[in-house]
Every structure is written in C-alpha cells, then in structure tokens.
Amino acid sequence: MDDELRVACWNVEKNGHGGHRGAGGDRRAIAHELLADIRPHIVLRQELTGAAADGSRALYEEAARLGGLTAFMAPATPESPNATGVMVDPVLFEIVSSHDQVTGMWHPVCNPVVRLKGTRKPVSLASVHLSSWDPVQRASEARRLTFLANGGRSAIFGGDMNSYPHRHATETVALPDWEAVRTSDPLHYEHRTIERGGQRVSDTIPDEVFTASGIFTDLAHHAGTVLKQPDALKGSASLWRTDQGIRSRIDRMYCTPDLAAALLSLEVVADGEVAEASDHALLVARFSLAKVRQVLTPAR
C-alpha cells in the first residue's frame, strides 16, 4: 500500500448525461475513467443527477468502476435533482455512521463518518453543493456546515461553493469583472455578488466563515502558500462558458487544521478529457497516509 491518501472532488455536470448546455452524448464513461485513473480512497461528488433511479443503480455502478468503493448519496429535492454523494475505500476505512444534512441546505449534504482502520479518531466527510442563486442562503449554509468541526472533530469536505475565496492577495486568479458580467449575464451577477461598502463585490462569505477564524483550512490555499504549489490556486469553473467572467476558484476542498499538516498536494485538473466530461475542474488532494494516521491516533 502506498503512503498516499487520495481525495477527489468533482461536480460532473448533470452527472454526465448528454444534451445539457450543448454537451454531446453521455459523458459518464469519460468521468468514470478519469476518476478511476486517480485510484481515489475518498470521492466527494456533486450533481449525481438521476443517480437514485432504479435503486441507485448509477451510483453503485460508479462506485464499482472506481474500485469497489462504498457509496453514499443524500436525497435530491423537488427543486433540484442534483444530489451530492461520497464514496469511500472499504479497504482503508470502516463506516462509523452516515447522515444526510438536509435542514437549511439547498442541496442536502451527504455526510458519512468514517474511521481509518487502525486509528481511534473518526473523520467526518461531506460533499457540498452550496446554493447557486442566493448569497444569503449560501452564508447560512456555510454557517450550518461549521457543525462538522463541533467538539474537536476531524473533517474533510469539498464541493461546488458557488462563491469565491476571500484572501485576494494570495490568489493567482483575479475575481470576475462584475460590470462586464452584469451586461453578459445579469442573472449570474445577481447570484454571485453581495453589497459591501456600497458596492457590488464577489461573494466571499462562505470562505470567510470557513477559514477566517481558523475553523477549517482551504486545502488549495494551504498548498499554494505553505507548500509553494501555485497551480493549486488555478480556477475551476466554468470550463465551458465565457459569459460569466474568467474561470474562478469556486470548487474548493477544506479540512480541519489537524489534517492540513498531512497535505502533500492539491491538483486542479482542468484540461483535455476533464473539460469534455464537465464544466467543472476535478480536484485531487493527496495526503501523507502516515501523517493522517498520526493525527487520528492521539495520545491517550
């Protein structure tokens, strides 16, 4: 067994079904192949659209294609069929519990709790898809998600945050030009900006909630600044549209600070077949498995 814990996070647009936004054909096979090549131990998936049909057959097919992972999925809602899901390697992890965090969330959060075999402290995992249309809702959802760190818990979560990182000075990608976007896509302008100081600016509140007080660590920011990996800060979406401003870092992964010390790298895969499969980049976090074991085996 290698000394890496690999965590993949990906919003596969409409679960790879054809006919959306000009995408041709079924893109699921491409997505599955790309994920399988990573050999992930944890997968945080967004837009598992239609995966609950026929006894969740599509969900289990994907989990099997990725090496026989154990699959979980939160329910879709009447307003949005785009469910979140988590898949976990049963060779490395045992399942402690599984929760669907529904209250106050536009997309219910898939939240299994696992234990790395041979360790004592469990890890809360969550796949997140914040509201695409309401900054006030996103702020509430972000505060709701701070429960993942309650009581000194360890946690890893990620997903489509539909908002922006707040530490602009250390980012490598500029924020969108909102006056230009206001002309090209006024709905996107309303959905992604907030009023601050009498001006309309990028919504960074979820990232502020997660990281400003040190509750969680933004893995890409940690990789880009502490590990000196600037490519970790590349934009993730949109890989397809040009009318919503430049590609931005709206897909993000976070963990509690105890686990951040074990991070080896954060990769943003946005080229080639990834862009055929989805309008979002694929994120891959790699942790030192030995260091994760140390963190999750605290001294008695």
Protein backbone atom coordinates (compact mmCIF):
# COMPACT_ATOMS: atom_id res chain seq x y z
CA MET A 1 0.00 0.00 0.00
CA ASP A 2 1.44 3.41 -0.94
CA ASP A 3 1.75 6.25 1.57
CA GLU A 4 -0.91 8.44 0.00
CA LEU A 5 -4.48 9.16 0.89
CA ARG A 6 -6.14 10.46 -2.28
CA VAL A 7 -9.32 12.52 -2.09
CA ALA A 8 -11.08 13.50 -5.33
CA CYS A 9 -13.77 16.18 -5.52
CA TRP A 10 -15.78 16.76 -8.68
CA ASN A 11 -19.01 18.31 -9.88
CA VAL A 12 -19.73 16.28 -13.02
CA GLU A 13 -22.30 18.46 -14.75
CA LYS A 14 -25.72 16.76 -14.64
CA ASN A 15 -23.87 13.51 -13.81
CA GLY A 16 -22.52 13.33 -17.34
CA HIS A 17 -25.87 12.89 -19.07
CA GLY A 18 -25.92 14.16 -22.64
CA GLY A 19 -27.84 17.08 -24.01
CA HIS A 20 -27.05 19.70 -21.39
CA ARG A 21 -25.63 23.09 -22.43
CA GLY A 22 -24.59 21.73 -25.77
CA ALA A 23 -22.70 18.74 -24.40
CA GLY A 24 -22.91 15.85 -26.79
CA GLY A 25 -23.50 12.27 -25.77
CA ASP A 26 -23.17 10.53 -22.45
CA ARG A 27 -20.10 11.80 -20.59
CA ARG A 28 -20.28 9.41 -17.64
CA ALA A 29 -17.80 6.91 -19.07
CA ILE A 30 -15.22 9.67 -19.51
CA ALA A 31 -15.74 10.87 -15.94
CA HIS A 32 -15.52 7.37 -14.52
CA GLU A 33 -12.29 6.63 -16.39
CA LEU A 34 -10.67 9.86 -15.23
CA LEU A 35 -11.61 9.21 -11.61
CA ALA A 36 -10.51 5.57 -11.79
CA ASP A 37 -7.08 6.62 -13.04
CA ILE A 38 -6.55 8.56 -9.79
CA ARG A 39 -7.31 5.47 -7.67
CA PRO A 40 -9.11 7.58 -5.07
CA HIS A 41 -9.74 6.49 -1.49
CA ILE A 42 -12.42 9.15 -0.99
CA VAL A 43 -14.61 10.75 -3.66
CA LEU A 44 -16.74 13.83 -2.99
CA ARG A 45 -19.27 14.09 -5.84
CA GLN A 46 -21.74 16.77 -6.79
CA GLU A 47 -24.55 16.62 -9.35
CA LEU A 48 -25.33 12.93 -9.11
CA THR A 49 -28.33 13.81 -11.24
CA GLY A 50 -30.66 10.86 -11.71
CA ALA A 51 -28.38 8.50 -9.80
CA ALA A 52 -31.17 7.48 -7.41
CA ALA A 53 -33.23 5.93 -10.22
CA ASP A 54 -33.63 2.17 -10.48
CA GLY A 55 -32.47 1.54 -6.92
CA SER A 56 -29.49 3.93 -7.21
CA ARG A 57 -28.02 1.79 -9.96
CA ALA A 58 -25.91 4.59 -11.48
CA LEU A 59 -24.43 5.43 -8.08
CA TYR A 60 -23.34 1.86 -7.44
CA GLU A 61 -22.05 1.43 -10.99
CA GLU A 62 -19.77 4.42 -10.50
CA ALA A 63 -18.57 3.18 -7.11
CA ALA A 64 -17.79 -0.24 -8.59
CA ARG A 65 -15.92 1.32 -11.53
CA LEU A 66 -13.75 3.22 -9.05
CA GLY A 67 -12.51 0.07 -7.39
CA GLY A 68 -15.41 -1.17 -5.33
CA LEU A 69 -15.90 1.90 -3.16
CA THR A 70 -18.68 2.13 -0.59
CA ALA A 71 -21.21 4.69 -1.83
CA PHE A 72 -23.47 7.15 -0.03
CA MET A 73 -25.85 9.70 -1.51
CA ALA A 74 -28.01 12.42 0.00
CA PRO A 75 -31.53 12.81 -1.37
CA ALA A 76 -32.34 15.11 -4.25
CA THR A 77 -35.10 17.66 -3.69
CA PRO A 78 -38.20 18.66 -5.68
CA GLU A 79 -36.42 21.89 -6.61
CA SER A 80 -33.10 20.32 -7.65
CA PRO A 81 -32.34 16.78 -8.82
CA ASN A 82 -28.59 17.34 -8.37
CA ALA A 83 -27.73 15.15 -5.39
CA THR A 84 -24.43 15.04 -3.51
CA GLY A 85 -22.56 11.83 -2.76
CA VAL A 86 -19.49 10.38 -1.09
CA MET A 87 -17.59 7.20 -1.94
CA VAL A 88 -15.08 5.57 0.40
CA ASP A 89 -12.46 2.83 0.07
CA PRO A 90 -13.55 -0.05 2.35
CA VAL A 91 -10.00 -1.39 2.45
CA LEU A 92 -8.79 1.73 4.27
CA PHE A 93 -11.91 2.84 6.13
CA GLU A 94 -14.65 1.42 8.27
CA ILE A 95 -18.00 3.18 8.40
CA VAL A 96 -19.00 4.74 11.72
CA SER A 97 -22.28 6.39 10.69
CA SER A 98 -24.00 8.12 7.78
CA HIS A 99 -26.05 11.32 7.81
CA ASP A 100 -28.00 13.43 5.34
CA GLN A 101 -27.81 17.07 6.43
CA VAL A 102 -31.00 18.48 4.95
CA THR A 103 -32.22 21.33 7.16
CA GLY A 104 -31.23 24.73 5.82
CA MET A 105 -29.45 23.37 2.74
CA TRP A 106 -30.47 23.97 -0.89
CA HIS A 107 -28.73 20.71 -1.78
CA PRO A 108 -28.73 18.23 1.13
CA VAL A 109 -25.21 17.35 2.28
CA CYS A 110 -24.01 13.75 2.11
CA ASN A 111 -22.11 13.24 5.40
CA PRO A 112 -20.72 9.81 6.25
CA VAL A 113 -18.42 9.46 9.24
CA VAL A 114 -15.54 7.01 8.81
CA ARG A 115 -12.60 5.68 10.75
CA LEU A 116 -9.24 4.97 9.16
CA LYS A 117 -8.57 1.37 10.12
CA GLY A 118 -6.10 1.10 12.98
CA THR A 119 -6.82 4.60 14.32
CA ARG A 120 -9.12 5.85 17.07
CA LYS A 121 -10.47 9.23 15.97
CA PRO A 122 -13.21 9.26 13.30
CA VAL A 123 -13.32 11.65 10.34
CA SER A 124 -16.47 13.38 9.15
CA LEU A 125 -16.67 13.53 5.34
CA ALA A 126 -19.05 15.75 3.41
CA SER A 127 -19.89 16.52 -0.21
CA VAL A 128 -21.24 20.05 -0.51
CA HIS A 129 -23.07 22.00 -3.21
CA LEU A 130 -23.97 25.46 -1.96
CA SER A 131 -26.88 27.41 -3.43
CA SER A 132 -26.23 28.69 -6.94
CA TRP A 133 -28.70 31.54 -6.76
CA ASP A 134 -28.75 33.22 -3.33
CA PRO A 135 -25.77 34.69 -1.42
CA VAL A 136 -27.84 34.94 1.77
CA GLN A 137 -28.68 31.24 1.52
CA ARG A 138 -25.01 30.38 0.91
CA ALA A 139 -23.93 32.30 4.01
CA SER A 140 -26.46 30.39 6.09
CA GLU A 141 -25.37 27.08 4.55
CA ALA A 142 -21.71 27.82 5.33
CA ARG A 143 -22.52 28.51 8.97
CA ARG A 144 -24.56 25.33 9.06
CA LEU A 145 -21.52 23.38 7.86
CA THR A 146 -19.33 24.55 10.73
CA PHE A 147 -21.01 21.77 12.75
CA LEU A 148 -18.57 19.40 11.02
CA ALA A 149 -15.88 20.69 13.40
CA ASN A 150 -18.02 20.54 16.56
CA GLY A 151 -16.41 19.00 19.62
CA GLY A 152 -12.93 18.88 18.11
CA ARG A 153 -13.96 16.60 15.27
CA SER A 154 -11.70 15.98 12.30
CA ALA A 155 -13.34 16.62 8.94
CA ILE A 156 -12.70 16.76 5.21
CA PHE A 157 -15.29 18.29 2.90
CA GLY A 158 -15.45 19.81 -0.52
CA GLY A 159 -17.62 20.73 -3.43
CA ASP A 160 -19.08 23.46 -5.57
CA MET A 161 -19.19 26.53 -3.31
CA ASN A 162 -20.69 28.86 -5.96
CA SER A 163 -18.67 31.66 -4.35
CA TYR A 164 -15.11 32.93 -4.15
CA PRO A 165 -12.03 32.76 -1.90
CA HIS A 166 -11.60 35.81 0.31
CA ARG A 167 -7.80 36.20 0.63
CA HIS A 168 -7.33 38.02 -2.65
CA ALA A 169 -3.69 38.96 -2.11
CA THR A 170 -2.57 35.33 -2.15
CA GLU A 171 -4.75 34.17 -5.05
CA THR A 172 -3.35 33.70 -8.55
CA VAL A 173 -6.67 34.21 -10.38
CA ALA A 174 -8.41 37.58 -10.39
CA LEU A 175 -12.04 37.90 -9.37
CA PRO A 176 -14.60 38.40 -12.14
CA ASP A 177 -15.16 41.82 -13.69
CA TRP A 178 -18.71 42.20 -12.46
CA GLU A 179 -19.60 45.20 -14.56
CA ALA A 180 -18.82 43.15 -17.67
CA VAL A 181 -20.74 40.15 -16.32
CA ARG A 182 -23.68 42.40 -15.48
CA THR A 183 -24.02 43.02 -19.21
CA SER A 184 -23.31 39.49 -20.46
CA ASP A 185 -25.20 37.54 -17.78
CA PRO A 186 -27.21 39.73 -15.37
CA LEU A 187 -28.63 36.70 -13.56
CA HIS A 188 -25.13 35.47 -12.72
CA TYR A 189 -24.29 38.97 -11.50
CA GLU A 190 -27.22 38.87 -9.06
CA HIS A 191 -26.49 35.32 -7.94
CA ARG A 192 -22.77 35.74 -7.23
CA THR A 193 -22.34 39.25 -5.82
CA ILE A 194 -23.09 40.88 -2.48
CA GLU A 195 -23.26 44.51 -1.40
CA ARG A 196 -20.33 45.62 0.72
CA GLY A 197 -19.29 49.20 1.40
CA GLY A 198 -21.89 50.50 -1.04
CA GLN A 199 -20.52 48.39 -3.91
CA ARG A 200 -21.39 45.08 -5.51
CA VAL A 201 -18.48 42.68 -4.98
CA SER A 202 -17.79 38.96 -5.26
CA ASP A 203 -19.49 36.81 -2.66
CA THR A 204 -16.67 35.53 -0.45
CA ILE A 205 -18.71 35.00 2.71
CA PRO A 206 -18.70 31.16 2.74
CA ASP A 207 -14.90 31.10 2.56
CA GLU A 208 -14.73 33.73 5.29
CA VAL A 209 -17.00 31.63 7.50
CA PHE A 210 -14.92 28.52 6.92
CA THR A 211 -11.42 29.96 7.26
CA ALA A 212 -11.25 33.47 8.73
CA SER A 213 -11.47 32.19 12.31
CA GLY A 214 -9.39 29.08 11.63
CA ILE A 215 -12.27 26.59 11.81
CA PHE A 216 -11.18 24.94 8.57
CA THR A 217 -8.20 25.11 6.21
CA ASP A 218 -8.69 25.77 2.49
CA LEU A 219 -6.56 22.99 1.00
CA ALA A 220 -5.71 24.86 -2.20
CA HIS A 221 -4.70 27.96 -0.25
CA HIS A 222 -2.53 25.83 2.05
CA ALA A 223 -0.92 24.10 -0.93
CA GLY A 224 -0.39 27.37 -2.77
CA THR A 225 1.06 29.35 0.13
CA VAL A 226 2.57 26.91 2.64
CA LEU A 227 3.60 24.14 0.23
CA LYS A 228 4.53 26.63 -2.54
CA GLN A 229 2.36 24.99 -5.19
CA PRO A 230 0.83 27.96 -7.05
CA ASP A 231 -1.01 25.75 -9.55
CA ALA A 232 -3.22 24.61 -6.68
CA LEU A 233 -4.88 28.03 -6.88
CA LYS A 234 -6.00 27.70 -10.51
CA GLY A 235 -9.62 28.41 -11.39
CA SER A 236 -12.03 25.50 -11.60
CA ALA A 237 -15.14 26.79 -13.41
CA SER A 238 -16.53 27.37 -15.85
CA LEU A 239 -14.64 25.22 -18.32
CA TRP A 240 -17.40 25.78 -20.88
CA ARG A 241 -18.90 29.25 -20.57
CA THR A 242 -17.21 32.58 -21.24
CA ASP A 243 -20.10 34.94 -20.47
CA GLN A 244 -19.73 34.64 -16.68
CA GLY A 245 -16.26 36.10 -16.36
CA ILE A 246 -12.93 34.36 -16.11
CA ARG A 247 -12.51 30.85 -14.75
CA SER A 248 -12.75 31.13 -10.97
CA ARG A 249 -11.86 29.02 -7.93
CA ILE A 250 -15.42 28.18 -6.91
CA ASP A 251 -14.77 24.47 -6.33
CA ARG A 252 -12.87 24.09 -3.09
CA MET A 253 -11.86 21.50 -0.52
CA TYR A 254 -11.46 22.11 3.20
CA CYS A 255 -10.33 20.17 6.23
CA THR A 256 -9.89 20.76 9.93
CA PRO A 257 -6.44 22.20 10.74
CA ASP A 258 -5.20 18.96 12.31
CA LEU A 259 -5.37 17.18 8.94
CA ALA A 260 -3.93 20.08 6.93
CA ALA A 261 -0.46 19.26 8.25
CA ALA A 262 -0.65 15.96 6.36
CA LEU A 263 -1.42 17.54 2.97
CA LEU A 264 1.10 16.75 0.23
CA SER A 265 -0.55 18.46 -2.74
CA LEU A 266 -3.74 19.82 -4.26
CA GLU A 267 -4.14 19.41 -8.01
CA VAL A 268 -6.66 21.20 -10.22
CA VAL A 269 -7.23 19.07 -13.33
CA ALA A 270 -8.99 21.18 -15.94
CA ASP A 271 -7.66 20.18 -19.34
CA GLY A 272 -8.40 17.60 -22.02
CA GLU A 273 -10.96 14.99 -21.13
CA VAL A 274 -11.95 16.72 -17.89
CA ALA A 275 -13.42 19.56 -19.93
CA GLU A 276 -15.21 17.02 -22.12
CA ALA A 277 -16.84 15.47 -19.07
CA SER A 278 -17.85 18.57 -17.11
CA ASP A 279 -17.82 22.34 -16.86
CA HIS A 280 -16.00 22.00 -13.52
CA ALA A 281 -12.40 21.01 -12.90
CA LEU A 282 -11.52 17.86 -11.00
CA LEU A 283 -9.77 18.49 -7.66
CA VAL A 284 -7.37 15.91 -6.22
CA ALA A 285 -5.93 16.28 -2.72
CA ARG A 286 -3.10 13.99 -1.67
CA PHE A 287 -2.28 13.47 1.99
CA SER A 288 0.51 11.55 3.68
CA LEU A 289 -1.24 8.45 4.95
CA ALA A 290 1.33 8.03 7.71
CA LYS A 291 0.74 11.58 8.95
CA VAL A 292 -3.02 11.15 8.77
CA ARG A 293 -2.65 8.04 10.92
CA GLN A 294 -0.64 10.04 13.46
CA VAL A 295 -3.28 12.77 13.61
CA LEU A 296 -6.09 10.27 14.05
CA THR A 297 -4.25 8.31 16.76
CA PRO A 298 -3.94 10.91 19.52
CA ALA A 299 -2.03 10.07 22.67
CA ARG A 300 -4.24 8.72 25.42
